[in-house]
Amino acid sequence: MAQTDTIVESKTNLKEAVKEPPMFKLIYLNDNQTSMEFVIETLVEFFEYTPTTAHDITLDIHESGSATVAVLPYELAEQKGIEITLAARSQNYPLQIKIEADS
């Protein structure tokens, strides 16, 4: 019986120790060379936005100079940022992506 009590206690302590990972904003920065069509394509491909939503986000990036396109755990935000940057460079676009902690 004591062994069962110990296992239950360990699981309880483990649940208390596990925390959600901190979240980070993935931000697209506007530039004068990356086409709006390319930005829309990346939002649809990498984040599964509908074309209409991707278009609205792209207009926000264009008009505001930048926009948060996703809030993700750091590793995922970093990976998406790298993949999108590589896609942009392969098309000779200077698209810049910034990652910052979500407050």
PDB file of N, CA and C in Angstrom:
ATOM      1  N   MET A   1       0.819  -1.194   0.000  1.00  0.00           N
ATOM      2  CA  MET A   1       0.000   0.000   0.000  1.00  0.00           C
ATOM      3  C   MET A   1       0.866   1.263   0.000  1.00  0.00           C
ATOM      4  N   ALA A   2       1.935   1.244   0.732  1.00  0.00           N
ATOM      5  CA  ALA A   2       2.811   2.415   0.792  1.00  0.00           C
ATOM      6  C   ALA A   2       3.400   2.719  -0.584  1.00  0.00           C
ATOM      7  N   GLN A   3       3.675   1.661  -1.348  1.00  0.00           N
ATOM      8  CA  GLN A   3       4.221   1.849  -2.690  1.00  0.00           C
ATOM      9  C   GLN A   3       3.207   2.567  -3.585  1.00  0.00           C
ATOM     10  N   THR A   4       1.949   2.224  -3.517  1.00  0.00           N
ATOM     11  CA  THR A   4       0.906   2.873  -4.294  1.00  0.00           C
ATOM     12  C   THR A   4       0.788   4.342  -3.917  1.00  0.00           C
ATOM     13  N   ASP A   5       0.840   4.628  -2.624  1.00  0.00           N
ATOM     14  CA  ASP A   5       0.767   6.011  -2.164  1.00  0.00           C
ATOM     15  C   ASP A   5       1.923   6.828  -2.732  1.00  0.00           C
ATOM     16  N   THR A   6       3.102   6.249  -2.790  1.00  0.00           N
ATOM     17  CA  THR A   6       4.279   6.943  -3.299  1.00  0.00           C
ATOM     18  C   THR A   6       4.109   7.250  -4.791  1.00  0.00           C
ATOM     19  N   ILE A   7       3.593   6.297  -5.555  1.00  0.00           N
ATOM     20  CA  ILE A   7       3.391   6.496  -6.986  1.00  0.00           C
ATOM     21  C   ILE A   7       2.376   7.614  -7.228  1.00  0.00           C
ATOM     22  N   VAL A   8       1.292   7.613  -6.510  1.00  0.00           N
ATOM     23  CA  VAL A   8       0.277   8.653  -6.658  1.00  0.00           C
ATOM     24  C   VAL A   8       0.867  10.009  -6.296  1.00  0.00           C
ATOM     25  N   GLU A   9       1.635  10.058  -5.249  1.00  0.00           N
ATOM     26  CA  GLU A   9       2.245  11.314  -4.835  1.00  0.00           C
ATOM     27  C   GLU A   9       3.231  11.800  -5.896  1.00  0.00           C
ATOM     28  N   SER A  10       4.019  10.902  -6.472  1.00  0.00           N
ATOM     29  CA  SER A  10       4.980  11.278  -7.505  1.00  0.00           C
ATOM     30  C   SER A  10       4.270  11.835  -8.734  1.00  0.00           C
ATOM     31  N   LYS A  11       3.169  11.218  -9.143  1.00  0.00           N
ATOM     32  CA  LYS A  11       2.424  11.717 -10.293  1.00  0.00           C
ATOM     33  C   LYS A  11       1.848  13.093 -10.002  1.00  0.00           C
ATOM     34  N   THR A  12       1.376  13.314  -8.794  1.00  0.00           N
ATOM     35  CA  THR A  12       0.835  14.617  -8.418  1.00  0.00           C
ATOM     36  C   THR A  12       1.927  15.673  -8.479  1.00  0.00           C
ATOM     37  N   ASN A  13       3.089  15.376  -7.950  1.00  0.00           N
ATOM     38  CA  ASN A  13       4.200  16.323  -7.975  1.00  0.00           C
ATOM     39  C   ASN A  13       4.659  16.593  -9.403  1.00  0.00           C
ATOM     40  N   LEU A  14       4.626  15.587 -10.248  1.00  0.00           N
ATOM     41  CA  LEU A  14       5.019  15.749 -11.642  1.00  0.00           C
ATOM     42  C   LEU A  14       4.065  16.695 -12.360  1.00  0.00           C
ATOM     43  N   LYS A  15       2.773  16.555 -12.132  1.00  0.00           N
ATOM     44  CA  LYS A  15       1.789  17.438 -12.761  1.00  0.00           C
ATOM     45  C   LYS A  15       2.029  18.885 -12.368  1.00  0.00           C
ATOM     46  N   GLU A  16       2.387  19.115 -11.124  1.00  0.00           N
ATOM     47  CA  GLU A  16       2.643  20.479 -10.666  1.00  0.00           C
ATOM     48  C   GLU A  16       3.901  21.046 -11.295  1.00  0.00           C
ATOM     49  N   ALA A  17       4.886  20.191 -11.590  1.00  0.00           N
ATOM     50  CA  ALA A  17       6.157  20.648 -12.142  1.00  0.00           C
ATOM     51  C   ALA A  17       6.068  20.953 -13.637  1.00  0.00           C
ATOM     52  N   VAL A  18       5.144  20.331 -14.355  1.00  0.00           N
ATOM     53  CA  VAL A  18       5.022  20.531 -15.797  1.00  0.00           C
ATOM     54  C   VAL A  18       4.265  21.829 -16.061  1.00  0.00           C
ATOM     55  N   LYS A  19       4.896  22.708 -16.844  1.00  0.00           N
ATOM     56  CA  LYS A  19       4.273  23.986 -17.181  1.00  0.00           C
ATOM     57  C   LYS A  19       4.207  24.122 -18.697  1.00  0.00           C
ATOM     58  N   GLU A  20       3.258  24.892 -19.141  1.00  0.00           N
ATOM     59  CA  GLU A  20       3.152  25.172 -20.572  1.00  0.00           C
ATOM     60  C   GLU A  20       4.397  25.957 -21.001  1.00  0.00           C
ATOM     61  N   PRO A  21       4.899  25.689 -22.219  1.00  0.00           N
ATOM     62  CA  PRO A  21       6.077  26.432 -22.682  1.00  0.00           C
ATOM     63  C   PRO A  21       5.704  27.897 -22.932  1.00  0.00           C
ATOM     64  N   PRO A  22       6.671  28.797 -22.762  1.00  0.00           N
ATOM     65  CA  PRO A  22       6.380  30.200 -23.066  1.00  0.00           C
ATOM     66  C   PRO A  22       6.089  30.358 -24.553  1.00  0.00           C
ATOM     67  N   MET A  23       5.249  31.317 -24.866  1.00  0.00           N
ATOM     68  CA  MET A  23       4.842  31.521 -26.257  1.00  0.00           C
ATOM     69  C   MET A  23       5.591  32.722 -26.846  1.00  0.00           C
ATOM     70  N   PHE A  24       5.795  32.661 -28.160  1.00  0.00           N
ATOM     71  CA  PHE A  24       6.524  33.712 -28.874  1.00  0.00           C
ATOM     72  C   PHE A  24       5.739  34.137 -30.107  1.00  0.00           C
ATOM     73  N   LYS A  25       5.788  35.440 -30.380  1.00  0.00           N
ATOM     74  CA  LYS A  25       5.117  36.001 -31.548  1.00  0.00           C
ATOM     75  C   LYS A  25       6.048  35.901 -32.754  1.00  0.00           C
ATOM     76  N   LEU A  26       5.505  35.441 -33.863  1.00  0.00           N
ATOM     77  CA  LEU A  26       6.223  35.418 -35.124  1.00  0.00           C
ATOM     78  C   LEU A  26       5.699  36.610 -35.924  1.00  0.00           C
ATOM     79  N   ILE A  27       6.580  37.545 -36.206  1.00  0.00           N
ATOM     80  CA  ILE A  27       6.184  38.831 -36.793  1.00  0.00           C
ATOM     81  C   ILE A  27       6.814  38.998 -38.170  1.00  0.00           C
ATOM     82  N   TYR A  28       5.969  39.302 -39.153  1.00  0.00           N
ATOM     83  CA  TYR A  28       6.448  39.638 -40.501  1.00  0.00           C
ATOM     84  C   TYR A  28       6.691  41.154 -40.534  1.00  0.00           C
ATOM     85  N   LEU A  29       7.819  41.550 -41.142  1.00  0.00           N
ATOM     86  CA  LEU A  29       8.134  42.965 -41.316  1.00  0.00           C
ATOM     87  C   LEU A  29       7.933  43.349 -42.778  1.00  0.00           C
ATOM     88  N   ASN A  30       7.307  44.477 -42.993  1.00  0.00           N
ATOM     89  CA  ASN A  30       7.044  44.945 -44.360  1.00  0.00           C
ATOM     90  C   ASN A  30       8.335  45.396 -45.030  1.00  0.00           C
ATOM     91  N   ASP A  31       8.423  45.191 -46.328  1.00  0.00           N
ATOM     92  CA  ASP A  31       9.505  45.745 -47.140  1.00  0.00           C
ATOM     93  C   ASP A  31       8.926  46.100 -48.503  1.00  0.00           C
ATOM     94  N   ASN A  32       9.708  46.789 -49.303  1.00  0.00           N
ATOM     95  CA  ASN A  32       9.216  47.266 -50.599  1.00  0.00           C
ATOM     96  C   ASN A  32       9.467  46.292 -51.744  1.00  0.00           C
ATOM     97  N   GLN A  33      10.051  45.126 -51.457  1.00  0.00           N
ATOM     98  CA  GLN A  33      10.402  44.203 -52.533  1.00  0.00           C
ATOM     99  C   GLN A  33       9.623  42.889 -52.495  1.00  0.00           C
ATOM    100  N   THR A  34       9.313  42.383 -51.317  1.00  0.00           N
ATOM    101  CA  THR A  34       8.593  41.106 -51.226  1.00  0.00           C
ATOM    102  C   THR A  34       7.163  41.318 -51.702  1.00  0.00           C
ATOM    103  N   SER A  35       6.737  40.505 -52.648  1.00  0.00           N
ATOM    104  CA  SER A  35       5.399  40.696 -53.197  1.00  0.00           C
ATOM    105  C   SER A  35       4.331  40.287 -52.187  1.00  0.00           C
ATOM    106  N   MET A  36       3.193  40.965 -52.287  1.00  0.00           N
ATOM    107  CA  MET A  36       2.074  40.629 -51.419  1.00  0.00           C
ATOM    108  C   MET A  36       1.590  39.218 -51.724  1.00  0.00           C
ATOM    109  N   GLU A  37       1.665  38.804 -52.972  1.00  0.00           N
ATOM    110  CA  GLU A  37       1.253  37.455 -53.350  1.00  0.00           C
ATOM    111  C   GLU A  37       2.102  36.407 -52.635  1.00  0.00           C
ATOM    112  N   PHE A  38       3.423  36.668 -52.543  1.00  0.00           N
ATOM    113  CA  PHE A  38       4.301  35.730 -51.856  1.00  0.00           C
ATOM    114  C   PHE A  38       3.959  35.658 -50.367  1.00  0.00           C
ATOM    115  N   VAL A  39       3.712  36.793 -49.749  1.00  0.00           N
ATOM    116  CA  VAL A  39       3.355  36.816 -48.326  1.00  0.00           C
ATOM    117  C   VAL A  39       2.067  36.029 -48.101  1.00  0.00           C
ATOM    118  N   ILE A  40       1.091  36.261 -48.948  1.00  0.00           N
ATOM    119  CA  ILE A  40      -0.179  35.522 -48.840  1.00  0.00           C
ATOM    120  C   ILE A  40       0.083  34.019 -48.973  1.00  0.00           C
ATOM    121  N   GLU A  41       0.890  33.631 -49.957  1.00  0.00           N
ATOM    122  CA  GLU A  41       1.200  32.206 -50.156  1.00  0.00           C
ATOM    123  C   GLU A  41       1.835  31.589 -48.916  1.00  0.00           C
ATOM    124  N   THR A  42       2.774  32.313 -48.279  1.00  0.00           N
ATOM    125  CA  THR A  42       3.430  31.752 -47.097  1.00  0.00           C
ATOM    126  C   THR A  42       2.457  31.620 -45.926  1.00  0.00           C
ATOM    127  N   LEU A  43       1.565  32.577 -45.793  1.00  0.00           N
ATOM    128  CA  LEU A  43       0.584  32.496 -44.702  1.00  0.00           C
ATOM    129  C   LEU A  43      -0.363  31.317 -44.892  1.00  0.00           C
ATOM    130  N   VAL A  44      -0.720  31.053 -46.127  1.00  0.00           N
ATOM    131  CA  VAL A  44      -1.590  29.910 -46.424  1.00  0.00           C
ATOM    132  C   VAL A  44      -0.813  28.602 -46.240  1.00  0.00           C
ATOM    133  N   GLU A  45       0.388  28.537 -46.791  1.00  0.00           N
ATOM    134  CA  GLU A  45       1.168  27.299 -46.765  1.00  0.00           C
ATOM    135  C   GLU A  45       1.678  26.936 -45.372  1.00  0.00           C
ATOM    136  N   PHE A  46       2.261  27.900 -44.668  1.00  0.00           N
ATOM    137  CA  PHE A  46       2.919  27.595 -43.402  1.00  0.00           C
ATOM    138  C   PHE A  46       1.999  27.680 -42.182  1.00  0.00           C
ATOM    139  N   PHE A  47       0.910  28.433 -42.299  1.00  0.00           N
ATOM    140  CA  PHE A  47       0.025  28.622 -41.136  1.00  0.00           C
ATOM    141  C   PHE A  47      -1.408  28.170 -41.403  1.00  0.00           C
ATOM    142  N   GLU A  48      -1.671  27.712 -42.609  1.00  0.00           N
ATOM    143  CA  GLU A  48      -2.981  27.201 -42.995  1.00  0.00           C
ATOM    144  C   GLU A  48      -4.108  28.221 -42.845  1.00  0.00           C
ATOM    145  N   TYR A  49      -3.778  29.491 -43.069  1.00  0.00           N
ATOM    146  CA  TYR A  49      -4.820  30.518 -43.118  1.00  0.00           C
ATOM    147  C   TYR A  49      -5.598  30.355 -44.412  1.00  0.00           C
ATOM    148  N   THR A  50      -6.835  30.792 -44.405  1.00  0.00           N
ATOM    149  CA  THR A  50      -7.590  30.826 -45.656  1.00  0.00           C
ATOM    150  C   THR A  50      -6.996  31.946 -46.506  1.00  0.00           C
ATOM    151  N   PRO A  51      -7.165  31.901 -47.820  1.00  0.00           N
ATOM    152  CA  PRO A  51      -6.656  32.983 -48.662  1.00  0.00           C
ATOM    153  C   PRO A  51      -7.206  34.353 -48.248  1.00  0.00           C
ATOM    154  N   THR A  52      -8.454  34.419 -47.835  1.00  0.00           N
ATOM    155  CA  THR A  52      -9.047  35.701 -47.423  1.00  0.00           C
ATOM    156  C   THR A  52      -8.381  36.226 -46.163  1.00  0.00           C
ATOM    157  N   THR A  53      -8.203  35.362 -45.175  1.00  0.00           N
ATOM    158  CA  THR A  53      -7.539  35.783 -43.930  1.00  0.00           C
ATOM    159  C   THR A  53      -6.093  36.160 -44.206  1.00  0.00           C
ATOM    160  N   ALA A  54      -5.401  35.374 -45.031  1.00  0.00           N
ATOM    161  CA  ALA A  54      -4.013  35.678 -45.384  1.00  0.00           C
ATOM    162  C   ALA A  54      -3.919  37.030 -46.076  1.00  0.00           C
ATOM    163  N   HIS A  55      -4.870  37.333 -46.938  1.00  0.00           N
ATOM    164  CA  HIS A  55      -4.895  38.630 -47.624  1.00  0.00           C
ATOM    165  C   HIS A  55      -5.070  39.761 -46.613  1.00  0.00           C
ATOM    166  N   ASP A  56      -5.971  39.591 -45.656  1.00  0.00           N
ATOM    167  CA  ASP A  56      -6.208  40.622 -44.637  1.00  0.00           C
ATOM    168  C   ASP A  56      -4.959  40.852 -43.774  1.00  0.00           C
ATOM    169  N   ILE A  57      -4.282  39.772 -43.397  1.00  0.00           N
ATOM    170  CA  ILE A  57      -3.050  39.896 -42.602  1.00  0.00           C
ATOM    171  C   ILE A  57      -1.974  40.602 -43.415  1.00  0.00           C
ATOM    172  N   THR A  58      -1.873  40.263 -44.699  1.00  0.00           N
ATOM    173  CA  THR A  58      -0.882  40.887 -45.577  1.00  0.00           C
ATOM    174  C   THR A  58      -1.131  42.389 -45.695  1.00  0.00           C
ATOM    175  N   LEU A  59      -2.387  42.795 -45.813  1.00  0.00           N
ATOM    176  CA  LEU A  59      -2.706  44.231 -45.852  1.00  0.00           C
ATOM    177  C   LEU A  59      -2.304  44.911 -44.545  1.00  0.00           C
ATOM    178  N   ASP A  60      -2.508  44.223 -43.420  1.00  0.00           N
ATOM    179  CA  ASP A  60      -2.114  44.771 -42.121  1.00  0.00           C
ATOM    180  C   ASP A  60      -0.596  44.950 -42.050  1.00  0.00           C
ATOM    181  N   ILE A  61       0.149  43.970 -42.547  1.00  0.00           N
ATOM    182  CA  ILE A  61       1.614  44.076 -42.584  1.00  0.00           C
ATOM    183  C   ILE A  61       2.016  45.276 -43.433  1.00  0.00           C
ATOM    184  N   HIS A  62       1.403  45.396 -44.591  1.00  0.00           N
ATOM    185  CA  HIS A  62       1.730  46.483 -45.523  1.00  0.00           C
ATOM    186  C   HIS A  62       1.407  47.856 -44.931  1.00  0.00           C
ATOM    187  N   GLU A  63       0.249  47.985 -44.317  1.00  0.00           N
ATOM    188  CA  GLU A  63      -0.192  49.283 -43.805  1.00  0.00           C
ATOM    189  C   GLU A  63       0.458  49.658 -42.480  1.00  0.00           C
ATOM    190  N   SER A  64       0.733  48.663 -41.628  1.00  0.00           N
ATOM    191  CA  SER A  64       1.275  48.941 -40.291  1.00  0.00           C
ATOM    192  C   SER A  64       2.793  48.814 -40.217  1.00  0.00           C
ATOM    193  N   GLY A  65       3.397  48.201 -41.216  1.00  0.00           N
ATOM    194  CA  GLY A  65       4.842  48.002 -41.200  1.00  0.00           C
ATOM    195  C   GLY A  65       5.243  46.647 -40.652  1.00  0.00           C
ATOM    196  N   SER A  66       4.350  46.021 -39.898  1.00  0.00           N
ATOM    197  CA  SER A  66       4.602  44.677 -39.375  1.00  0.00           C
ATOM    198  C   SER A  66       3.301  44.141 -38.793  1.00  0.00           C
ATOM    199  N   ALA A  67       3.271  42.824 -38.598  1.00  0.00           N
ATOM    200  CA  ALA A  67       2.106  42.208 -37.966  1.00  0.00           C
ATOM    201  C   ALA A  67       2.492  40.847 -37.411  1.00  0.00           C
ATOM    202  N   THR A  68       1.900  40.518 -36.284  1.00  0.00           N
ATOM    203  CA  THR A  68       2.062  39.191 -35.710  1.00  0.00           C
ATOM    204  C   THR A  68       1.201  38.234 -36.522  1.00  0.00           C
ATOM    205  N   VAL A  69       1.829  37.185 -37.037  1.00  0.00           N
ATOM    206  CA  VAL A  69       1.081  36.222 -37.855  1.00  0.00           C
ATOM    207  C   VAL A  69       0.783  34.933 -37.102  1.00  0.00           C
ATOM    208  N   ALA A  70       1.497  34.692 -35.991  1.00  0.00           N
ATOM    209  CA  ALA A  70       1.245  33.492 -35.192  1.00  0.00           C
ATOM    210  C   ALA A  70       1.881  33.668 -33.823  1.00  0.00           C
ATOM    211  N   VAL A  71       1.356  32.949 -32.845  1.00  0.00           N
ATOM    212  CA  VAL A  71       1.936  32.890 -31.511  1.00  0.00           C
ATOM    213  C   VAL A  71       2.142  31.408 -31.216  1.00  0.00           C
ATOM    214  N   LEU A  72       3.420  31.039 -31.045  1.00  0.00           N
ATOM    215  CA  LEU A  72       3.800  29.626 -30.962  1.00  0.00           C
ATOM    216  C   LEU A  72       4.869  29.415 -29.899  1.00  0.00           C
ATOM    217  N   PRO A  73       5.089  28.163 -29.467  1.00  0.00           N
ATOM    218  CA  PRO A  73       6.244  27.887 -28.616  1.00  0.00           C
ATOM    219  C   PRO A  73       7.522  28.271 -29.375  1.00  0.00           C
ATOM    220  N   TYR A  74       8.573  28.636 -28.640  1.00  0.00           N
ATOM    221  CA  TYR A  74       9.781  29.179 -29.256  1.00  0.00           C
ATOM    222  C   TYR A  74      10.333  28.306 -30.385  1.00  0.00           C
ATOM    223  N   GLU A  75      10.505  27.020 -30.125  1.00  0.00           N
ATOM    224  CA  GLU A  75      11.122  26.142 -31.120  1.00  0.00           C
ATOM    225  C   GLU A  75      10.318  26.107 -32.409  1.00  0.00           C
ATOM    226  N   LEU A  76       9.016  26.076 -32.297  1.00  0.00           N
ATOM    227  CA  LEU A  76       8.158  26.055 -33.484  1.00  0.00           C
ATOM    228  C   LEU A  76       8.203  27.399 -34.215  1.00  0.00           C
ATOM    229  N   ALA A  77       8.168  28.499 -33.460  1.00  0.00           N
ATOM    230  CA  ALA A  77       8.258  29.831 -34.069  1.00  0.00           C
ATOM    231  C   ALA A  77       9.589  29.994 -34.803  1.00  0.00           C
ATOM    232  N   GLU A  78      10.660  29.542 -34.171  1.00  0.00           N
ATOM    233  CA  GLU A  78      11.984  29.637 -34.794  1.00  0.00           C
ATOM    234  C   GLU A  78      12.047  28.805 -36.070  1.00  0.00           C
ATOM    235  N   GLN A  79      11.536  27.583 -36.014  1.00  0.00           N
ATOM    236  CA  GLN A  79      11.559  26.700 -37.187  1.00  0.00           C
ATOM    237  C   GLN A  79      10.742  27.283 -38.335  1.00  0.00           C
ATOM    238  N   LYS A  80       9.550  27.771 -38.036  1.00  0.00           N
ATOM    239  CA  LYS A  80       8.715  28.386 -39.083  1.00  0.00           C
ATOM    240  C   LYS A  80       9.429  29.602 -39.667  1.00  0.00           C
ATOM    241  N   GLY A  81      10.032  30.410 -38.805  1.00  0.00           N
ATOM    242  CA  GLY A  81      10.757  31.591 -39.272  1.00  0.00           C
ATOM    243  C   GLY A  81      11.871  31.226 -40.237  1.00  0.00           C
ATOM    244  N   ILE A  82      12.613  30.179 -39.915  1.00  0.00           N
ATOM    245  CA  ILE A  82      13.698  29.720 -40.786  1.00  0.00           C
ATOM    246  C   ILE A  82      13.149  29.209 -42.113  1.00  0.00           C
ATOM    247  N   GLU A  83      12.106  28.391 -42.050  1.00  0.00           N
ATOM    248  CA  GLU A  83      11.529  27.833 -43.284  1.00  0.00           C
ATOM    249  C   GLU A  83      11.000  28.930 -44.204  1.00  0.00           C
ATOM    250  N   ILE A  84      10.336  29.921 -43.627  1.00  0.00           N
ATOM    251  CA  ILE A  84       9.776  31.004 -44.439  1.00  0.00           C
ATOM    252  C   ILE A  84      10.890  31.871 -45.007  1.00  0.00           C
ATOM    253  N   THR A  85      11.907  32.139 -44.197  1.00  0.00           N
ATOM    254  CA  THR A  85      13.042  32.927 -44.683  1.00  0.00           C
ATOM    255  C   THR A  85      13.734  32.213 -45.842  1.00  0.00           C
ATOM    256  N   LEU A  86      13.925  30.910 -45.720  1.00  0.00           N
ATOM    257  CA  LEU A  86      14.539  30.144 -46.823  1.00  0.00           C
ATOM    258  C   LEU A  86      13.670  30.189 -48.080  1.00  0.00           C
ATOM    259  N   ALA A  87      12.363  30.074 -47.903  1.00  0.00           N
ATOM    260  CA  ALA A  87      11.458  30.163 -49.058  1.00  0.00           C
ATOM    261  C   ALA A  87      11.560  31.539 -49.709  1.00  0.00           C
ATOM    262  N   ALA A  88      11.629  32.580 -48.880  1.00  0.00           N
ATOM    263  CA  ALA A  88      11.739  33.940 -49.411  1.00  0.00           C
ATOM    264  C   ALA A  88      13.051  34.127 -50.174  1.00  0.00           C
ATOM    265  N   ARG A  89      14.149  33.657 -49.600  1.00  0.00           N
ATOM    266  CA  ARG A  89      15.443  33.825 -50.264  1.00  0.00           C
ATOM    267  C   ARG A  89      15.498  33.040 -51.564  1.00  0.00           C
ATOM    268  N   SER A  90      14.833  31.908 -51.611  1.00  0.00           N
ATOM    269  CA  SER A  90      14.838  31.120 -52.846  1.00  0.00           C
ATOM    270  C   SER A  90      14.117  31.845 -53.980  1.00  0.00           C
ATOM    271  N   GLN A  91      13.250  32.808 -53.611  1.00  0.00           N
ATOM    272  CA  GLN A  91      12.543  33.627 -54.591  1.00  0.00           C
ATOM    273  C   GLN A  91      13.159  35.029 -54.703  1.00  0.00           C
ATOM    274  N   ASN A  92      14.312  35.212 -54.063  1.00  0.00           N
ATOM    275  CA  ASN A  92      15.045  36.495 -54.043  1.00  0.00           C
ATOM    276  C   ASN A  92      14.265  37.617 -53.358  1.00  0.00           C
ATOM    277  N   TYR A  93      13.492  37.264 -52.342  1.00  0.00           N
ATOM    278  CA  TYR A  93      12.775  38.265 -51.554  1.00  0.00           C
ATOM    279  C   TYR A  93      13.505  38.493 -50.238  1.00  0.00           C
ATOM    280  N   PRO A  94      13.570  39.745 -49.772  1.00  0.00           N
ATOM    281  CA  PRO A  94      14.260  40.060 -48.516  1.00  0.00           C
ATOM    282  C   PRO A  94      13.370  39.994 -47.267  1.00  0.00           C
ATOM    283  N   LEU A  95      12.255  39.293 -47.348  1.00  0.00           N
ATOM    284  CA  LEU A  95      11.310  39.240 -46.228  1.00  0.00           C
ATOM    285  C   LEU A  95      12.049  38.985 -44.913  1.00  0.00           C
ATOM    286  N   GLN A  96      11.756  39.814 -43.921  1.00  0.00           N
ATOM    287  CA  GLN A  96      12.338  39.672 -42.592  1.00  0.00           C
ATOM    288  C   GLN A  96      11.268  39.202 -41.608  1.00  0.00           C
ATOM    289  N   ILE A  97      11.664  38.296 -40.722  1.00  0.00           N
ATOM    290  CA  ILE A  97      10.764  37.778 -39.708  1.00  0.00           C
ATOM    291  C   ILE A  97      11.429  37.956 -38.365  1.00  0.00           C
ATOM    292  N   LYS A  98      10.642  38.416 -37.408  1.00  0.00           N
ATOM    293  CA  LYS A  98      11.148  38.655 -36.065  1.00  0.00           C
ATOM    294  C   LYS A  98      10.374  37.756 -35.103  1.00  0.00           C
ATOM    295  N   ILE A  99      11.064  37.265 -34.079  1.00  0.00           N
ATOM    296  CA  ILE A  99      10.420  36.471 -33.037  1.00  0.00           C
ATOM    297  C   ILE A  99      10.646  37.183 -31.719  1.00  0.00           C
ATOM    298  N   GLU A 100       9.545  37.403 -30.993  1.00  0.00           N
ATOM    299  CA  GLU A 100       9.684  38.029 -29.675  1.00  0.00           C
ATOM    300  C   GLU A 100       8.705  37.391 -28.688  1.00  0.00           C
ATOM    301  N   ALA A 101       9.073  37.449 -27.432  1.00  0.00           N
ATOM    302  CA  ALA A 101       8.253  36.843 -26.386  1.00  0.00           C
ATOM    303  C   ALA A 101       6.864  37.483 -26.370  1.00  0.00           C
ATOM    304  N   ASP A 102       5.870  36.636 -26.172  1.00  0.00           N
ATOM    305  CA  ASP A 102       4.499  37.107 -26.053  1.00  0.00           C
ATOM    306  C   ASP A 102       4.264  37.497 -24.607  1.00  0.00           C
ATOM    307  N   SER A 103       3.907  38.738 -24.374  1.00  0.00           N
ATOM    308  CA  SER A 103       3.756  39.194 -22.993  1.00  0.00           C
ATOM    309  C   SER A 103       2.368  38.991 -22.451  1.00  0.00           C
TER     310      SER A 103
END
